[in-house]
């Protein structure tokens, strides 16, 4: 019995690591896509320069005013180019999609066994 457990758990562990890595990559990319739809787009520069760094689990939007744009400091967002534009766009995406992302991770764990 101990021998069976010894051979079984390493396989599950390896499968779990692979499945969680795939799920993490999928969630990070989906977070970027779902968040980006709320990024203000007066010139489009912030959305164009968005970068996804999967190994570091980062999604980055950059421009010289990014803190003001993200936090909405002294900003009146125009909705001409993007009717969904808002500050703190990642929070909006998280609130709308957390259940889907959680399910993706749960499925990855369950599919490891």
Protein backbone atom coordinates (compact mmCIF):
# COMPACT_ATOMS: atom_id res chain seq x y z
CA UNK A 1 0.00 0.00 0.00
CA UNK A 2 2.77 2.47 0.88
CA UNK A 3 4.46 1.65 -2.42
CA UNK A 4 1.29 2.52 -4.31
CA UNK A 5 1.00 5.83 -2.47
CA UNK A 6 4.64 6.53 -3.20
CA UNK A 7 4.08 6.17 -6.94
CA UNK A 8 0.64 7.82 -7.01
CA UNK A 9 1.30 11.13 -5.29
CA UNK A 10 4.26 12.25 -7.40
CA UNK A 11 2.07 11.82 -10.49
CA UNK A 12 -0.72 13.89 -8.98
CA UNK A 13 1.75 16.50 -7.82
CA UNK A 14 3.25 16.83 -11.30
CA UNK A 15 -0.18 16.93 -12.94
CA UNK A 16 -1.39 19.51 -10.41
CA UNK A 17 1.64 21.74 -11.04
CA UNK A 18 1.11 21.57 -14.81
CA UNK A 19 -2.63 22.20 -14.61
CA UNK A 20 -2.25 25.09 -12.17
CA UNK A 21 0.43 26.68 -14.36
CA UNK A 22 -1.89 26.46 -17.37
CA UNK A 23 -4.81 27.85 -15.36
CA UNK A 24 -2.67 30.69 -14.04
CA UNK A 25 -1.57 31.66 -17.55
CA UNK A 26 -5.16 31.57 -18.77
CA UNK A 27 -6.40 33.67 -15.85
CA UNK A 28 -3.67 36.31 -16.23
CA UNK A 29 -4.40 36.69 -19.94
CA UNK A 30 -8.15 36.80 -19.30
CA UNK A 31 -7.65 39.38 -16.53
CA UNK A 32 -5.79 41.56 -19.00
CA UNK A 33 -8.49 41.25 -21.65
CA UNK A 34 -11.40 41.73 -19.26
CA UNK A 35 -9.74 44.69 -17.50
CA UNK A 36 -8.62 46.38 -20.71
CA UNK A 37 -12.19 46.91 -21.85
CA UNK A 38 -12.58 49.52 -19.06
CA UNK A 39 -9.37 51.45 -19.73
CA UNK A 40 -10.03 55.07 -20.74
CA UNK A 41 -9.19 55.58 -24.39
CA UNK A 42 -8.90 59.24 -25.30
CA UNK A 43 -5.82 58.61 -27.43
CA UNK A 44 -5.70 54.82 -27.08
CA UNK A 45 -2.06 54.92 -25.94
CA UNK A 46 -2.72 53.28 -22.56
CA UNK A 47 -4.55 50.33 -24.08
CA UNK A 48 -2.02 49.90 -26.90
CA UNK A 49 0.89 49.81 -24.45
CA UNK A 50 -0.66 47.21 -22.13
CA UNK A 51 1.73 44.32 -21.47
CA UNK A 52 1.11 40.89 -19.99
CA UNK A 53 4.00 39.25 -18.15
CA UNK A 54 2.84 35.71 -17.40
CA UNK A 55 5.96 34.53 -15.51
CA UNK A 56 5.66 37.49 -13.11
CA UNK A 57 1.83 37.33 -13.09
CA UNK A 58 1.63 41.01 -14.04
CA UNK A 59 -0.55 43.03 -16.34
CA UNK A 60 0.85 46.51 -16.89
CA UNK A 61 -0.62 49.61 -18.45
CA UNK A 62 1.80 52.46 -18.86
CA UNK A 63 1.96 56.07 -19.78
CA UNK A 64 3.16 59.20 -18.05
CA UNK A 65 -0.18 59.79 -16.28
CA UNK A 66 -1.08 56.21 -15.40
CA UNK A 67 -1.53 56.81 -11.65
CA UNK A 68 -3.91 59.67 -12.33
CA UNK A 69 -5.82 57.63 -14.88
CA UNK A 70 -6.01 54.45 -12.81
CA UNK A 71 -7.04 56.14 -9.56
CA UNK A 72 -9.17 58.77 -11.31
CA UNK A 73 -7.24 61.66 -9.76
CA UNK A 74 -8.41 64.94 -11.30
CA UNK A 75 -9.84 63.04 -14.26
CA UNK A 76 -13.12 63.35 -16.10
CA UNK A 77 -13.25 60.32 -18.32
CA UNK A 78 -14.58 60.81 -21.80
CA UNK A 79 -16.72 57.93 -22.95
CA UNK A 80 -16.71 58.88 -26.62
CA UNK A 81 -14.06 56.33 -27.61
CA UNK A 82 -14.80 53.84 -24.85
CA UNK A 83 -18.26 53.97 -23.26
CA UNK A 84 -17.05 51.63 -20.47
CA UNK A 85 -14.09 53.85 -19.47
CA UNK A 86 -13.55 54.17 -15.75
CA UNK A 87 -10.88 54.38 -13.08
CA UNK A 88 -9.71 51.27 -11.21
CA UNK A 89 -10.58 49.10 -14.21
CA UNK A 90 -8.97 45.99 -12.72
CA UNK A 91 -11.30 46.08 -9.72
CA UNK A 92 -14.31 46.20 -12.03
CA UNK A 93 -13.02 43.20 -14.00
CA UNK A 94 -12.30 41.25 -10.81
CA UNK A 95 -15.78 41.89 -9.42
CA UNK A 96 -17.38 40.73 -12.66
CA UNK A 97 -15.18 37.69 -13.33
CA UNK A 98 -13.91 36.31 -10.02
CA UNK A 99 -16.36 33.39 -10.13
CA UNK A 100 -15.18 32.34 -13.60
CA UNK A 101 -11.53 32.58 -12.61
CA UNK A 102 -12.14 30.63 -9.41
CA UNK A 103 -13.93 27.92 -11.40
CA UNK A 104 -11.01 27.72 -13.81
CA UNK A 105 -8.64 27.04 -10.90
CA UNK A 106 -11.04 24.56 -9.29
CA UNK A 107 -11.33 22.68 -12.60
CA UNK A 108 -7.54 22.63 -12.93
CA UNK A 109 -7.23 21.07 -9.48
CA UNK A 110 -9.99 18.52 -10.06
CA UNK A 111 -8.58 17.52 -13.46
CA UNK A 112 -5.25 16.72 -11.79
CA UNK A 113 -6.66 13.60 -10.11
